[in-house]
Amino acid sequence: MFRKARPMKTFLSMCLSLWLCLFIGSRVHAYQDGDWQFWSSSSLEGNAPAQWKLRFEEQFRVGRDVSELFYHQTGIGLTWKTAKWFQATMTYAQVYELKKGDWQEENRPFADGTFQREWRGVRLSDRNRLELRIRESTENVWRYRNNLTFSPARKWSSLRIQPCMSSEIFVDIEQEDLNQYRVTAGLTGRLIDVLQANLYYLRQGKEKDGDWTVCHVLGATIRVRL
């Protein structure tokens, strides 16, 4: 009986560690006014030949206390699962973001390398992303992103509900500067065999000229797998 409890104990310990980081971040940035936002994304995935997967995705973000659309992204990506513990993805995305009343275009090709494994009943995923931001009104930049996600290895209930938590950092490679982080907690469930949904809360911190700002995000993701 005690052995079966270990995976859940490990998962809860990881959750507590991430939420502690989140709480500390809240105290550091308590003087900032936090914006509430809603992010939504939908994607369609289809299997190509064995070990390959093609994906189309669209994202919308509404800010200013969920009153103004400020971000739209569409993308297409190809994933190659080379082994059970590793997969590589190449993606091209087009982004439109509202800045100072004008919509700015950005083209963003990026590559992901994701390592996956299970440890003591917990599924771990470490995604490493290198992206080139080709921006309309300013210079292009290279950015590195690392996203660590963990969840219980076993699904809950007939809907295969699964809690998950993640922590992501953003690094400007040229400036060697960590200027953004995200901490996320949510639930993922499979409504039917081809339809998966995810509801989450995300806290995002951004740094500019030495000052940090924070926003709070409620999000929803729909994924169709053919």
C-alpha atoms as a PDB file:
ATOM      1  CA  MET A   1       0.000   0.000   0.000  1.00  0.00           C
ATOM      2  CA  PHE A   2       2.817   2.369   0.860  1.00  0.00           C
ATOM      3  CA  ARG A   3       4.563   1.689  -2.440  1.00  0.00           C
ATOM      4  CA  LYS A   4       1.450   2.684  -4.420  1.00  0.00           C
ATOM      5  CA  ALA A   5       1.294   6.008  -2.572  1.00  0.00           C
ATOM      6  CA  ARG A   6       4.828   7.008  -3.552  1.00  0.00           C
ATOM      7  CA  PRO A   7       4.060   8.266  -7.125  1.00  0.00           C
ATOM      8  CA  MET A   8       1.301  10.576  -5.893  1.00  0.00           C
ATOM      9  CA  LYS A   9       3.514  11.774  -3.039  1.00  0.00           C
ATOM     10  CA  THR A  10       6.264  12.568  -5.541  1.00  0.00           C
ATOM     11  CA  PHE A  11       3.852  14.434  -7.808  1.00  0.00           C
ATOM     12  CA  LEU A  12       2.400  16.480  -4.928  1.00  0.00           C
ATOM     13  CA  SER A  13       5.915  17.362  -3.750  1.00  0.00           C
ATOM     14  CA  MET A  14       6.743  18.718  -7.210  1.00  0.00           C
ATOM     15  CA  CYS A  15       3.472  20.703  -7.258  1.00  0.00           C
ATOM     16  CA  LEU A  16       4.294  22.212  -3.874  1.00  0.00           C
ATOM     17  CA  SER A  17       7.766  23.243  -5.084  1.00  0.00           C
ATOM     18  CA  LEU A  18       6.383  25.027  -8.160  1.00  0.00           C
ATOM     19  CA  TRP A  19       3.633  26.759  -6.213  1.00  0.00           C
ATOM     20  CA  LEU A  20       6.223  27.919  -3.673  1.00  0.00           C
ATOM     21  CA  CYS A  21       8.184  29.545  -6.514  1.00  0.00           C
ATOM     22  CA  LEU A  22       4.939  31.108  -7.712  1.00  0.00           C
ATOM     23  CA  PHE A  23       4.163  32.464  -4.223  1.00  0.00           C
ATOM     24  CA  ILE A  24       7.634  33.970  -3.877  1.00  0.00           C
ATOM     25  CA  GLY A  25       7.237  35.590  -7.308  1.00  0.00           C
ATOM     26  CA  SER A  26       3.916  37.074  -6.167  1.00  0.00           C
ATOM     27  CA  ARG A  27       5.564  38.744  -3.211  1.00  0.00           C
ATOM     28  CA  VAL A  28       8.392  40.120  -5.325  1.00  0.00           C
ATOM     29  CA  HIS A  29       6.012  41.689  -7.836  1.00  0.00           C
ATOM     30  CA  ALA A  30       3.165  42.590  -5.469  1.00  0.00           C
ATOM     31  CA  TYR A  31       3.587  46.311  -6.263  1.00  0.00           C
ATOM     32  CA  GLN A  32       2.769  45.715  -9.963  1.00  0.00           C
ATOM     33  CA  ASP A  33      -0.748  45.915 -11.374  1.00  0.00           C
ATOM     34  CA  GLY A  34      -1.417  42.449 -12.864  1.00  0.00           C
ATOM     35  CA  ASP A  35      -3.501  42.229 -16.020  1.00  0.00           C
ATOM     36  CA  TRP A  36      -6.003  39.379 -16.378  1.00  0.00           C
ATOM     37  CA  GLN A  37      -6.038  37.686 -19.780  1.00  0.00           C
ATOM     38  CA  PHE A  38      -7.707  34.804 -21.607  1.00  0.00           C
ATOM     39  CA  TRP A  39      -5.693  32.628 -24.011  1.00  0.00           C
ATOM     40  CA  SER A  40      -7.226  30.031 -26.311  1.00  0.00           C
ATOM     41  CA  SER A  41      -5.698  27.680 -28.825  1.00  0.00           C
ATOM     42  CA  SER A  42      -6.924  24.923 -31.106  1.00  0.00           C
ATOM     43  CA  SER A  43      -4.924  22.421 -33.090  1.00  0.00           C
ATOM     44  CA  LEU A  44      -5.413  19.632 -35.598  1.00  0.00           C
ATOM     45  CA  GLU A  45      -2.930  16.754 -35.675  1.00  0.00           C
ATOM     46  CA  GLY A  46      -2.606  13.935 -38.146  1.00  0.00           C
ATOM     47  CA  ASN A  47      -0.185  11.058 -38.428  1.00  0.00           C
ATOM     48  CA  ALA A  48       1.995  11.013 -41.505  1.00  0.00           C
ATOM     49  CA  PRO A  49       4.194   7.947 -42.140  1.00  0.00           C
ATOM     50  CA  ALA A  50       5.332   6.038 -39.061  1.00  0.00           C
ATOM     51  CA  GLN A  51       6.989   8.215 -36.395  1.00  0.00           C
ATOM     52  CA  TRP A  52       5.907  11.458 -38.116  1.00  0.00           C
ATOM     53  CA  LYS A  53       3.089  13.841 -37.171  1.00  0.00           C
ATOM     54  CA  LEU A  54       1.759  16.987 -38.889  1.00  0.00           C
ATOM     55  CA  ARG A  55       0.122  19.735 -36.823  1.00  0.00           C
ATOM     56  CA  PHE A  56      -1.823  22.940 -37.549  1.00  0.00           C
ATOM     57  CA  GLU A  57      -2.425  25.367 -34.672  1.00  0.00           C
ATOM     58  CA  GLU A  58      -4.162  28.705 -34.066  1.00  0.00           C
ATOM     59  CA  GLN A  59      -3.977  30.889 -30.934  1.00  0.00           C
ATOM     60  CA  PHE A  60      -5.839  33.958 -29.692  1.00  0.00           C
ATOM     61  CA  ARG A  61      -5.055  36.103 -26.641  1.00  0.00           C
ATOM     62  CA  VAL A  62      -7.355  38.695 -25.076  1.00  0.00           C
ATOM     63  CA  GLY A  63      -5.925  41.162 -22.558  1.00  0.00           C
ATOM     64  CA  ARG A  64      -6.676  44.430 -20.739  1.00  0.00           C
ATOM     65  CA  ASP A  65      -8.736  42.483 -18.204  1.00  0.00           C
ATOM     66  CA  VAL A  66     -10.184  40.287 -20.962  1.00  0.00           C
ATOM     67  CA  SER A  67     -11.534  43.175 -23.038  1.00  0.00           C
ATOM     68  CA  GLU A  68      -9.156  43.519 -26.006  1.00  0.00           C
ATOM     69  CA  LEU A  69      -7.784  41.060 -28.566  1.00  0.00           C
ATOM     70  CA  PHE A  70      -4.039  41.683 -28.776  1.00  0.00           C
ATOM     71  CA  TYR A  71      -2.436  38.498 -30.148  1.00  0.00           C
ATOM     72  CA  HIS A  72      -3.102  36.033 -32.980  1.00  0.00           C
ATOM     73  CA  GLN A  73      -0.835  33.203 -34.065  1.00  0.00           C
ATOM     74  CA  THR A  74      -1.116  30.504 -36.710  1.00  0.00           C
ATOM     75  CA  GLY A  75       1.448  27.807 -37.289  1.00  0.00           C
ATOM     76  CA  ILE A  76       2.264  24.517 -38.970  1.00  0.00           C
ATOM     77  CA  GLY A  77       4.707  21.981 -37.581  1.00  0.00           C
ATOM     78  CA  LEU A  78       6.173  18.553 -38.329  1.00  0.00           C
ATOM     79  CA  THR A  79       7.196  16.206 -35.490  1.00  0.00           C
ATOM     80  CA  TRP A  80       9.561  13.272 -35.731  1.00  0.00           C
ATOM     81  CA  LYS A  81       9.477  10.839 -32.798  1.00  0.00           C
ATOM     82  CA  THR A  82      12.908   9.278 -32.963  1.00  0.00           C
ATOM     83  CA  ALA A  83      12.565   7.214 -29.771  1.00  0.00           C
ATOM     84  CA  LYS A  84      10.193   6.687 -26.860  1.00  0.00           C
ATOM     85  CA  TRP A  85      12.178   9.231 -24.831  1.00  0.00           C
ATOM     86  CA  PHE A  86      12.810  11.917 -27.498  1.00  0.00           C
ATOM     87  CA  GLN A  87      11.047  13.772 -30.314  1.00  0.00           C
ATOM     88  CA  ALA A  88      12.039  16.671 -32.586  1.00  0.00           C
ATOM     89  CA  THR A  89       9.725  19.279 -34.126  1.00  0.00           C
ATOM     90  CA  MET A  90      10.143  21.942 -36.795  1.00  0.00           C
ATOM     91  CA  THR A  91       7.492  24.693 -36.848  1.00  0.00           C
ATOM     92  CA  TYR A  92       6.797  27.902 -38.743  1.00  0.00           C
ATOM     93  CA  ALA A  93       4.430  30.407 -37.110  1.00  0.00           C
ATOM     94  CA  GLN A  94       3.062  33.783 -38.124  1.00  0.00           C
ATOM     95  CA  VAL A  95       2.243  36.167 -35.281  1.00  0.00           C
ATOM     96  CA  TYR A  96       0.268  39.411 -35.183  1.00  0.00           C
ATOM     97  CA  GLU A  97       0.500  41.387 -31.931  1.00  0.00           C
ATOM     98  CA  LEU A  98      -1.155  44.676 -31.005  1.00  0.00           C
ATOM     99  CA  LYS A  99       1.454  47.167 -29.756  1.00  0.00           C
ATOM    100  CA  LYS A 100       0.711  50.835 -29.061  1.00  0.00           C
ATOM    101  CA  GLY A 101      -2.443  50.666 -31.171  1.00  0.00           C
ATOM    102  CA  ASP A 102      -0.797  49.051 -34.228  1.00  0.00           C
ATOM    103  CA  TRP A 103      -0.706  45.417 -35.284  1.00  0.00           C
ATOM    104  CA  GLN A 104       2.890  44.229 -35.677  1.00  0.00           C
ATOM    105  CA  GLU A 105       3.740  41.160 -37.755  1.00  0.00           C
ATOM    106  CA  GLU A 106       6.308  38.581 -36.723  1.00  0.00           C
ATOM    107  CA  ASN A 107       7.455  35.445 -38.520  1.00  0.00           C
ATOM    108  CA  ARG A 108       8.790  32.825 -36.163  1.00  0.00           C
ATOM    109  CA  PRO A 109      10.478  29.598 -37.299  1.00  0.00           C
ATOM    110  CA  PHE A 110      11.555  27.396 -34.398  1.00  0.00           C
ATOM    111  CA  ALA A 111      12.851  23.937 -33.551  1.00  0.00           C
ATOM    112  CA  ASP A 112      11.995  21.826 -30.501  1.00  0.00           C
ATOM    113  CA  GLY A 113      13.838  18.941 -28.920  1.00  0.00           C
ATOM    114  CA  THR A 114      11.753  17.238 -26.215  1.00  0.00           C
ATOM    115  CA  PHE A 115      13.029  14.650 -23.756  1.00  0.00           C
ATOM    116  CA  GLN A 116      10.462  12.442 -21.978  1.00  0.00           C
ATOM    117  CA  ARG A 117      10.649   9.837 -19.247  1.00  0.00           C
ATOM    118  CA  GLU A 118       8.823   8.452 -16.215  1.00  0.00           C
ATOM    119  CA  TRP A 119      10.241   8.599 -12.721  1.00  0.00           C
ATOM    120  CA  ARG A 120       8.527   7.147  -9.634  1.00  0.00           C
ATOM    121  CA  GLY A 121       5.113   7.264 -11.264  1.00  0.00           C
ATOM    122  CA  VAL A 122       5.512  10.819 -12.602  1.00  0.00           C
ATOM    123  CA  ARG A 123       5.790  11.647 -16.311  1.00  0.00           C
ATOM    124  CA  LEU A 124       8.460  14.288 -17.008  1.00  0.00           C
ATOM    125  CA  SER A 125       8.838  16.288 -20.229  1.00  0.00           C
ATOM    126  CA  ASP A 126      11.680  18.718 -20.921  1.00  0.00           C
ATOM    127  CA  ARG A 127      11.136  20.778 -24.096  1.00  0.00           C
ATOM    128  CA  ASN A 128      14.045  22.822 -25.452  1.00  0.00           C
ATOM    129  CA  ARG A 129      13.123  25.405 -28.094  1.00  0.00           C
ATOM    130  CA  LEU A 130      15.317  27.581 -30.301  1.00  0.00           C
ATOM    131  CA  GLU A 131      13.393  30.244 -32.231  1.00  0.00           C
ATOM    132  CA  LEU A 132      14.189  33.091 -34.601  1.00  0.00           C
ATOM    133  CA  ARG A 133      11.896  36.106 -34.195  1.00  0.00           C
ATOM    134  CA  ILE A 134      11.720  37.962 -37.530  1.00  0.00           C
ATOM    135  CA  ARG A 135       9.986  41.173 -36.456  1.00  0.00           C
ATOM    136  CA  GLU A 136       8.462  43.917 -38.556  1.00  0.00           C
ATOM    137  CA  SER A 137       9.631  47.108 -36.849  1.00  0.00           C
ATOM    138  CA  THR A 138      12.724  46.057 -34.921  1.00  0.00           C
ATOM    139  CA  GLU A 139      15.767  43.827 -35.242  1.00  0.00           C
ATOM    140  CA  ASN A 140      15.537  40.057 -35.382  1.00  0.00           C
ATOM    141  CA  VAL A 141      16.473  38.084 -32.283  1.00  0.00           C
ATOM    142  CA  TRP A 142      17.265  34.496 -31.365  1.00  0.00           C
ATOM    143  CA  ARG A 143      15.539  33.157 -28.269  1.00  0.00           C
ATOM    144  CA  TYR A 144      15.889  29.978 -26.218  1.00  0.00           C
ATOM    145  CA  ARG A 145      12.955  28.567 -24.241  1.00  0.00           C
ATOM    146  CA  ASN A 146      12.985  25.683 -21.776  1.00  0.00           C
ATOM    147  CA  ASN A 147       9.697  24.195 -20.591  1.00  0.00           C
ATOM    148  CA  LEU A 148       9.659  21.507 -17.881  1.00  0.00           C
ATOM    149  CA  THR A 149       6.303  19.714 -17.457  1.00  0.00           C
ATOM    150  CA  PHE A 150       5.259  16.941 -15.119  1.00  0.00           C
ATOM    151  CA  SER A 151       2.061  14.989 -14.483  1.00  0.00           C
ATOM    152  CA  PRO A 152       1.020  11.635 -12.991  1.00  0.00           C
ATOM    153  CA  ALA A 153       1.797   8.727 -15.285  1.00  0.00           C
ATOM    154  CA  ARG A 154      -1.692   7.260 -14.741  1.00  0.00           C
ATOM    155  CA  LYS A 155      -4.892   8.941 -15.925  1.00  0.00           C
ATOM    156  CA  TRP A 156      -7.808   9.638 -13.589  1.00  0.00           C
ATOM    157  CA  SER A 157     -11.424   8.552 -14.299  1.00  0.00           C
ATOM    158  CA  SER A 158     -13.051   7.359 -17.534  1.00  0.00           C
ATOM    159  CA  LEU A 159     -12.412  10.775 -19.131  1.00  0.00           C
ATOM    160  CA  ARG A 160      -8.687  10.218 -18.567  1.00  0.00           C
ATOM    161  CA  ILE A 161      -8.358  13.463 -16.604  1.00  0.00           C
ATOM    162  CA  GLN A 162      -4.813  14.322 -15.667  1.00  0.00           C
ATOM    163  CA  PRO A 163      -3.402  17.265 -13.674  1.00  0.00           C
ATOM    164  CA  CYS A 164      -0.230  18.846 -14.984  1.00  0.00           C
ATOM    165  CA  MET A 165       2.160  21.618 -14.009  1.00  0.00           C
ATOM    166  CA  SER A 166       4.922  23.325 -15.942  1.00  0.00           C
ATOM    167  CA  SER A 167       7.600  25.977 -15.593  1.00  0.00           C
ATOM    168  CA  GLU A 168       9.077  27.792 -18.611  1.00  0.00           C
ATOM    169  CA  ILE A 169      11.894  30.310 -18.980  1.00  0.00           C
ATOM    170  CA  PHE A 170      12.756  32.597 -21.938  1.00  0.00           C
ATOM    171  CA  VAL A 171      16.339  33.650 -22.674  1.00  0.00           C
ATOM    172  CA  ASP A 172      17.481  36.296 -25.172  1.00  0.00           C
ATOM    173  CA  ILE A 173      20.559  34.581 -26.608  1.00  0.00           C
ATOM    174  CA  GLU A 174      22.372  37.702 -27.850  1.00  0.00           C
ATOM    175  CA  GLN A 175      21.833  39.604 -24.599  1.00  0.00           C
ATOM    176  CA  GLU A 176      22.289  36.453 -22.479  1.00  0.00           C
ATOM    177  CA  ASP A 177      19.304  37.666 -20.495  1.00  0.00           C
ATOM    178  CA  LEU A 178      16.465  35.735 -18.869  1.00  0.00           C
ATOM    179  CA  ASN A 179      13.575  38.127 -19.459  1.00  0.00           C
ATOM    180  CA  GLN A 180      10.389  36.066 -19.136  1.00  0.00           C
ATOM    181  CA  TYR A 181       8.955  33.147 -17.174  1.00  0.00           C
ATOM    182  CA  ARG A 182       5.688  31.238 -17.057  1.00  0.00           C
ATOM    183  CA  VAL A 183       4.296  28.941 -14.372  1.00  0.00           C
ATOM    184  CA  THR A 184       1.235  26.895 -15.328  1.00  0.00           C
ATOM    185  CA  ALA A 185      -1.172  24.521 -13.578  1.00  0.00           C
ATOM    186  CA  GLY A 186      -4.108  22.807 -15.237  1.00  0.00           C
ATOM    187  CA  LEU A 187      -6.192  19.752 -16.039  1.00  0.00           C
ATOM    188  CA  THR A 188      -6.159  17.747 -19.265  1.00  0.00           C
ATOM    189  CA  GLY A 189      -8.900  15.348 -20.307  1.00  0.00           C
ATOM    190  CA  ARG A 190      -9.858  13.331 -23.377  1.00  0.00           C
ATOM    191  CA  LEU A 191     -13.555  13.869 -24.124  1.00  0.00           C
ATOM    192  CA  ILE A 192     -13.584  11.323 -26.956  1.00  0.00           C
ATOM    193  CA  ASP A 193     -10.814   9.352 -28.621  1.00  0.00           C
ATOM    194  CA  VAL A 194      -9.884  12.132 -31.049  1.00  0.00           C
ATOM    195  CA  LEU A 195     -10.635  15.176 -28.873  1.00  0.00           C
ATOM    196  CA  GLN A 196      -8.497  16.404 -25.990  1.00  0.00           C
ATOM    197  CA  ALA A 197      -9.156  19.516 -23.879  1.00  0.00           C
ATOM    198  CA  ASN A 198      -6.998  21.419 -21.410  1.00  0.00           C
ATOM    199  CA  LEU A 199      -7.985  24.118 -18.890  1.00  0.00           C
ATOM    200  CA  TYR A 200      -5.260  25.987 -17.044  1.00  0.00           C
ATOM    201  CA  TYR A 201      -4.099  28.969 -15.022  1.00  0.00           C
ATOM    202  CA  LEU A 202      -0.827  30.625 -16.069  1.00  0.00           C
ATOM    203  CA  ARG A 203       1.246  33.299 -14.375  1.00  0.00           C
ATOM    204  CA  GLN A 204       3.604  35.195 -16.684  1.00  0.00           C
ATOM    205  CA  GLY A 205       6.376  37.561 -15.712  1.00  0.00           C
ATOM    206  CA  LYS A 206       8.193  39.834 -18.191  1.00  0.00           C
ATOM    207  CA  GLU A 207      11.260  42.001 -17.686  1.00  0.00           C
ATOM    208  CA  LYS A 208      12.057  45.199 -19.578  1.00  0.00           C
ATOM    209  CA  ASP A 209      14.698  47.779 -18.648  1.00  0.00           C
ATOM    210  CA  GLY A 210      15.106  46.182 -15.252  1.00  0.00           C
ATOM    211  CA  ASP A 211      11.402  46.245 -14.330  1.00  0.00           C
ATOM    212  CA  TRP A 212       9.185  43.175 -14.108  1.00  0.00           C
ATOM    213  CA  THR A 213       5.487  43.094 -14.948  1.00  0.00           C
ATOM    214  CA  VAL A 214       3.125  40.210 -14.250  1.00  0.00           C
ATOM    215  CA  CYS A 215      -0.111  39.010 -15.851  1.00  0.00           C
ATOM    216  CA  HIS A 216      -2.574  36.288 -14.877  1.00  0.00           C
ATOM    217  CA  VAL A 217      -3.981  34.046 -17.588  1.00  0.00           C
ATOM    218  CA  LEU A 218      -6.936  31.705 -17.754  1.00  0.00           C
ATOM    219  CA  GLY A 219      -6.600  29.462 -20.765  1.00  0.00           C
ATOM    220  CA  ALA A 220      -8.254  26.698 -22.760  1.00  0.00           C
ATOM    221  CA  THR A 221      -6.821  24.368 -25.392  1.00  0.00           C
ATOM    222  CA  ILE A 222      -8.644  22.046 -27.776  1.00  0.00           C
ATOM    223  CA  ARG A 223      -6.699  19.400 -29.689  1.00  0.00           C
ATOM    224  CA  VAL A 224      -8.107  17.133 -32.395  1.00  0.00           C
ATOM    225  CA  ARG A 225      -6.030  14.083 -33.286  1.00  0.00           C
ATOM    226  CA  LEU A 226      -6.866  12.192 -36.457  1.00  0.00           C
END
